Each structure stands twice: as C-alpha cells, then as structure tokens.
Amino acid sequence: MQQDIYPIPETEQTAGAAPGAEAQAGTQPETMPSTEELLRAAELLAAEHHDAWMRAKAETENVRRRSQEDVVKAHKFASEKFAADLLAVKDSLEAALSNANQSAESLHEGVEMTLKQLVAAFEKANLAEINPLGEKFDPHKHQAISQIEAPDATTEPNHVLNVLQKGYQLHDRIIRPAMVVVSKAKGNSA
C-alpha cells in the first residue's frame, strides 16, 4: 500500500472508510497549496485590484478635469452666437454714420431696419421685451416709479398706466424689470 505525501485530514465522509477506498473510487487525493503559494496568489490579486483602482481613480480625475474645462468654455463662449448676431446691427449703424449726405427720412428708415435686426437678434437669443402697458402690476417683472390716481373710472387700481422703460427677460429670468407708473384708487393717499 502506498502512503500519501500530504496526509488528508479525516472528515465525516472519509471517517470509517476502508483504506484505499479513494483509489477504488478513482479520485486523486487533494493537495493543499503551501502558505507561500497562497500568499503569492493573494498578493497578485491585491496588485490587480490596486491597479484597477488606480486606473478608475485616474479616469475619474480626467472626467472631472474635462467637465471643469467644459464649464469654463461654456461660460467663456456662452454669448458667442448672440454677439455674432449683434455684429450685423453694429455694421448697419456704422454704415448709417458713414454716409454724411442723407436725408432725415433715409436716416429714419435705416434706424428702423437696424432696430428690426436688433429685435431679430433678441428673438434668437430668447431675450423677450416686457411692455406691460395696461396690465396688472407684477413686482417680479415691474418696478413702480410712481403711483397716480386712475384717469377714469374704468381703469382699475394697481394697473400699469405708463411704461417709462421697457423690461427684458432672458428665458424665464428677468434681466431688467420694466419701469412703470401704476394707478391707484381715487381718493387713496398712498
């Protein structure tokens, strides 16, 4: 009978089994790896995990850095399209000023055309005009400069009677509130 190099500990399955039963079943006895081999395998696995972690960390840093660069570029060039649209307005104004021999009528027509170019540039940039004449006063969109009695009985109190300066909003954000004169009820001393 041949003796195993590494003794197999007796378990419930092998306890009480006849010697040589493993050989009869056709299985090879298991050999336990040495402590050095287990340590080497664990070190290799730890090195792989560390390498993967370092790569993930570097990728995260690269994504963060690229995102910051994109935000800086977005802030820097946010008004580029709007500025390009305004160049046509500036060109029209310069052309009007360069022609010294023009009538008041042709100058007026040129200013109207230039204003249309400016309005078109505002529309492209989603910059909307706030002209609240006759509307109910809204402190979020309007700035009341003064309050006067309503000129007739049909005008309700707290409505815009006169717009001194139009307001503007970019998308849903107020850039400049409209400066207005607001009506008050007759006999009200506010």
Protein backbone atom coordinates (compact mmCIF):
# COMPACT_ATOMS: atom_id res chain seq x y z
CA MET A 1 0.00 0.00 0.00
CA GLN A 2 1.31 3.44 -1.00
CA GLN A 3 1.42 6.23 1.56
CA ASP A 4 0.23 9.79 0.63
CA ILE A 5 2.76 12.62 0.75
CA TYR A 6 0.24 15.02 2.25
CA PRO A 7 -1.99 13.38 4.78
CA ILE A 8 -5.68 14.07 4.19
CA PRO A 9 -7.50 15.00 7.36
CA GLU A 10 -10.23 12.63 8.32
CA THR A 11 -13.70 14.07 7.63
CA GLU A 12 -17.16 12.74 8.03
CA GLN A 13 -17.05 11.29 4.54
CA THR A 14 -13.71 9.56 4.95
CA ALA A 15 -14.14 8.60 8.59
CA GLY A 16 -14.64 4.94 8.87
CA ALA A 17 -13.92 4.34 5.20
CA ALA A 18 -11.69 1.46 4.38
CA PRO A 19 -8.11 2.25 3.49
CA GLY A 20 -7.69 2.54 -0.24
CA ALA A 21 -11.34 3.49 -0.78
CA GLU A 22 -10.22 6.66 -2.61
CA ALA A 23 -8.21 4.66 -5.04
CA GLN A 24 -11.18 2.45 -5.64
CA ALA A 25 -13.43 5.48 -6.32
CA GLY A 26 -10.93 6.77 -8.91
CA THR A 27 -10.25 10.18 -7.35
CA GLN A 28 -6.89 11.71 -6.67
CA PRO A 29 -6.15 12.93 -3.18
CA GLU A 30 -6.26 16.76 -2.88
CA THR A 31 -3.04 18.56 -2.30
CA MET A 32 -3.13 21.74 -0.21
CA PRO A 33 -1.16 24.67 -1.66
CA SER A 34 1.58 25.92 0.56
CA THR A 35 1.28 29.10 2.56
CA GLU A 36 3.81 30.77 0.27
CA GLU A 37 1.71 29.90 -2.78
CA LEU A 38 -1.46 31.22 -1.14
CA LEU A 39 0.35 34.42 -0.16
CA ARG A 40 1.72 34.87 -3.69
CA ALA A 41 -1.78 34.40 -5.18
CA ALA A 42 -3.26 36.89 -2.71
CA GLU A 43 -0.52 39.42 -3.50
CA LEU A 44 -1.17 39.06 -7.24
CA LEU A 45 -4.89 39.55 -6.70
CA ALA A 46 -4.25 42.59 -4.48
CA ALA A 47 -1.93 44.06 -7.14
CA GLU A 48 -4.62 43.57 -9.81
CA HIS A 49 -7.24 45.26 -7.65
CA HIS A 50 -4.87 48.11 -6.81
CA ASP A 51 -4.08 48.62 -10.48
CA ALA A 52 -7.80 48.63 -11.37
CA TRP A 53 -8.49 51.11 -8.55
CA MET A 54 -5.66 53.42 -9.72
CA ARG A 55 -6.99 53.33 -13.29
CA ALA A 56 -10.54 54.11 -12.11
CA LYS A 57 -9.24 56.95 -9.94
CA ALA A 58 -7.27 58.41 -12.87
CA GLU A 59 -10.29 58.14 -15.16
CA THR A 60 -12.46 59.89 -12.58
CA GLU A 61 -9.92 62.71 -12.29
CA ASN A 62 -9.80 63.04 -16.09
CA VAL A 63 -13.60 63.22 -16.32
CA ARG A 64 -13.70 65.84 -13.54
CA ARG A 65 -10.98 67.92 -15.22
CA ARG A 66 -12.70 67.72 -18.64
CA SER A 67 -16.01 68.71 -17.06
CA GLN A 68 -14.42 71.75 -15.42
CA GLU A 69 -12.84 72.75 -18.73
CA ASP A 70 -16.21 72.38 -20.48
CA VAL A 71 -17.91 74.59 -17.88
CA VAL A 72 -15.21 77.26 -18.26
CA LYS A 73 -15.58 77.15 -22.06
CA ALA A 74 -19.37 77.33 -21.79
CA HIS A 75 -19.14 80.43 -19.60
CA LYS A 76 -16.49 81.99 -21.82
CA PHE A 77 -18.30 81.44 -25.11
CA ALA A 78 -21.94 81.49 -23.95
CA SER A 79 -22.69 84.78 -25.70
CA GLU A 80 -20.79 83.96 -28.90
CA LYS A 81 -23.89 83.36 -31.04
CA PHE A 82 -25.64 86.45 -29.66
CA ALA A 83 -22.51 88.54 -30.25
CA ALA A 84 -22.33 87.32 -33.85
CA ASP A 85 -25.96 88.39 -34.38
CA LEU A 86 -25.20 91.83 -32.93
CA LEU A 87 -22.36 92.38 -35.42
CA ALA A 88 -24.91 92.93 -38.20
CA VAL A 89 -26.57 95.62 -36.08
CA LYS A 90 -23.24 97.33 -35.48
CA ASP A 91 -22.40 97.18 -39.20
CA SER A 92 -25.74 98.84 -40.04
CA LEU A 93 -25.17 101.62 -37.52
CA GLU A 94 -21.65 102.26 -38.83
CA ALA A 95 -22.96 102.35 -42.42
CA ALA A 96 -25.59 104.91 -41.40
CA LEU A 97 -22.99 107.11 -39.71
CA SER A 98 -20.53 106.88 -42.61
CA ASN A 99 -22.99 108.46 -45.07
CA ALA A 100 -22.99 112.17 -44.21
CA ASN A 101 -25.26 113.23 -47.10
CA GLN A 102 -28.51 111.53 -46.20
CA SER A 103 -31.92 112.90 -45.56
CA ALA A 104 -33.76 112.59 -42.26
CA GLU A 105 -36.19 110.23 -43.95
CA SER A 106 -33.50 107.82 -45.18
CA LEU A 107 -31.81 108.00 -41.77
CA HIS A 108 -35.13 107.13 -40.12
CA GLU A 109 -35.61 104.15 -42.48
CA GLY A 110 -32.08 102.95 -41.72
CA VAL A 111 -32.69 103.16 -37.98
CA GLU A 112 -35.93 101.19 -38.36
CA MET A 113 -34.12 98.47 -40.31
CA THR A 114 -31.37 98.37 -37.71
CA LEU A 115 -33.97 98.07 -34.94
CA LYS A 116 -35.53 95.12 -36.80
CA GLN A 117 -32.10 93.45 -36.93
CA LEU A 118 -31.69 94.01 -33.20
CA VAL A 119 -35.15 92.62 -32.42
CA ALA A 120 -34.37 89.54 -34.55
CA ALA A 121 -31.10 89.02 -32.64
CA PHE A 122 -33.01 89.31 -29.34
CA GLU A 123 -35.57 86.75 -30.50
CA LYS A 124 -32.85 84.28 -31.50
CA ALA A 125 -31.29 84.65 -28.04
CA ASN A 126 -34.70 84.25 -26.30
CA LEU A 127 -34.44 87.78 -24.93
CA ALA A 128 -38.04 88.97 -24.63
CA GLU A 129 -39.29 92.50 -24.17
CA ILE A 130 -41.57 93.32 -21.24
CA ASN A 131 -44.01 96.09 -22.19
CA PRO A 132 -46.79 95.82 -19.58
CA LEU A 133 -48.97 98.81 -20.54
CA GLY A 134 -52.48 98.19 -19.18
CA GLU A 135 -51.50 95.01 -17.33
CA LYS A 136 -51.84 94.39 -13.61
CA PHE A 137 -48.70 95.44 -11.72
CA ASP A 138 -46.36 92.48 -11.04
CA PRO A 139 -43.49 93.30 -8.65
CA HIS A 140 -41.50 90.37 -10.07
CA LYS A 141 -41.48 91.92 -13.57
CA HIS A 142 -42.12 95.61 -12.96
CA GLN A 143 -40.56 98.38 -10.93
CA ALA A 144 -43.06 101.06 -9.89
CA ILE A 145 -41.55 104.54 -10.13
CA SER A 146 -44.69 106.34 -9.06
CA GLN A 147 -48.36 105.85 -8.42
CA ILE A 148 -51.08 108.21 -9.64
CA GLU A 149 -54.86 108.27 -9.49
CA ALA A 150 -56.58 106.41 -12.27
CA PRO A 151 -57.54 108.88 -15.02
CA ASP A 152 -61.03 107.40 -15.42
CA ALA A 153 -63.41 105.12 -13.58
CA THR A 154 -62.77 102.20 -15.97
CA THR A 155 -59.09 101.91 -15.03
CA GLU A 156 -58.65 99.53 -12.13
CA PRO A 157 -56.22 100.32 -9.32
CA ASN A 158 -52.78 98.68 -9.34
CA HIS A 159 -52.54 98.56 -13.15
CA VAL A 160 -49.75 99.94 -15.33
CA LEU A 161 -50.66 103.37 -16.76
CA ASN A 162 -47.35 104.29 -18.35
CA VAL A 163 -44.15 102.42 -19.23
CA LEU A 164 -41.11 104.65 -18.71
CA GLN A 165 -38.59 101.97 -19.67
CA LYS A 166 -39.31 98.52 -21.11
CA GLY A 167 -38.07 95.49 -19.24
CA TYR A 168 -36.36 92.39 -20.60
CA GLN A 169 -36.27 88.74 -19.64
CA LEU A 170 -33.93 86.01 -20.82
CA HIS A 171 -35.92 82.77 -20.96
CA ASP A 172 -37.68 82.94 -17.57
CA ARG A 173 -35.17 85.19 -15.79
CA ILE A 174 -35.79 88.93 -15.53
CA ILE A 175 -32.75 90.80 -16.81
CA ARG A 176 -34.25 94.25 -16.23
CA PRO A 177 -37.70 94.99 -14.79
CA ALA A 178 -39.95 97.41 -16.65
CA MET A 179 -40.06 100.85 -15.01
CA VAL A 180 -43.72 101.81 -14.76
CA VAL A 181 -46.27 104.25 -13.39
CA VAL A 182 -49.07 102.44 -11.56
CA SER A 183 -52.68 103.51 -10.97
CA LYS A 184 -54.19 103.89 -7.52
CA ALA A 185 -57.80 104.16 -6.49
CA LYS A 186 -59.31 107.65 -6.43
CA GLY A 187 -59.11 109.29 -3.06
CA ASN A 188 -56.33 106.94 -1.93
CA SER A 189 -53.40 108.82 -0.45
CA ALA A 190 -50.60 106.34 -0.76
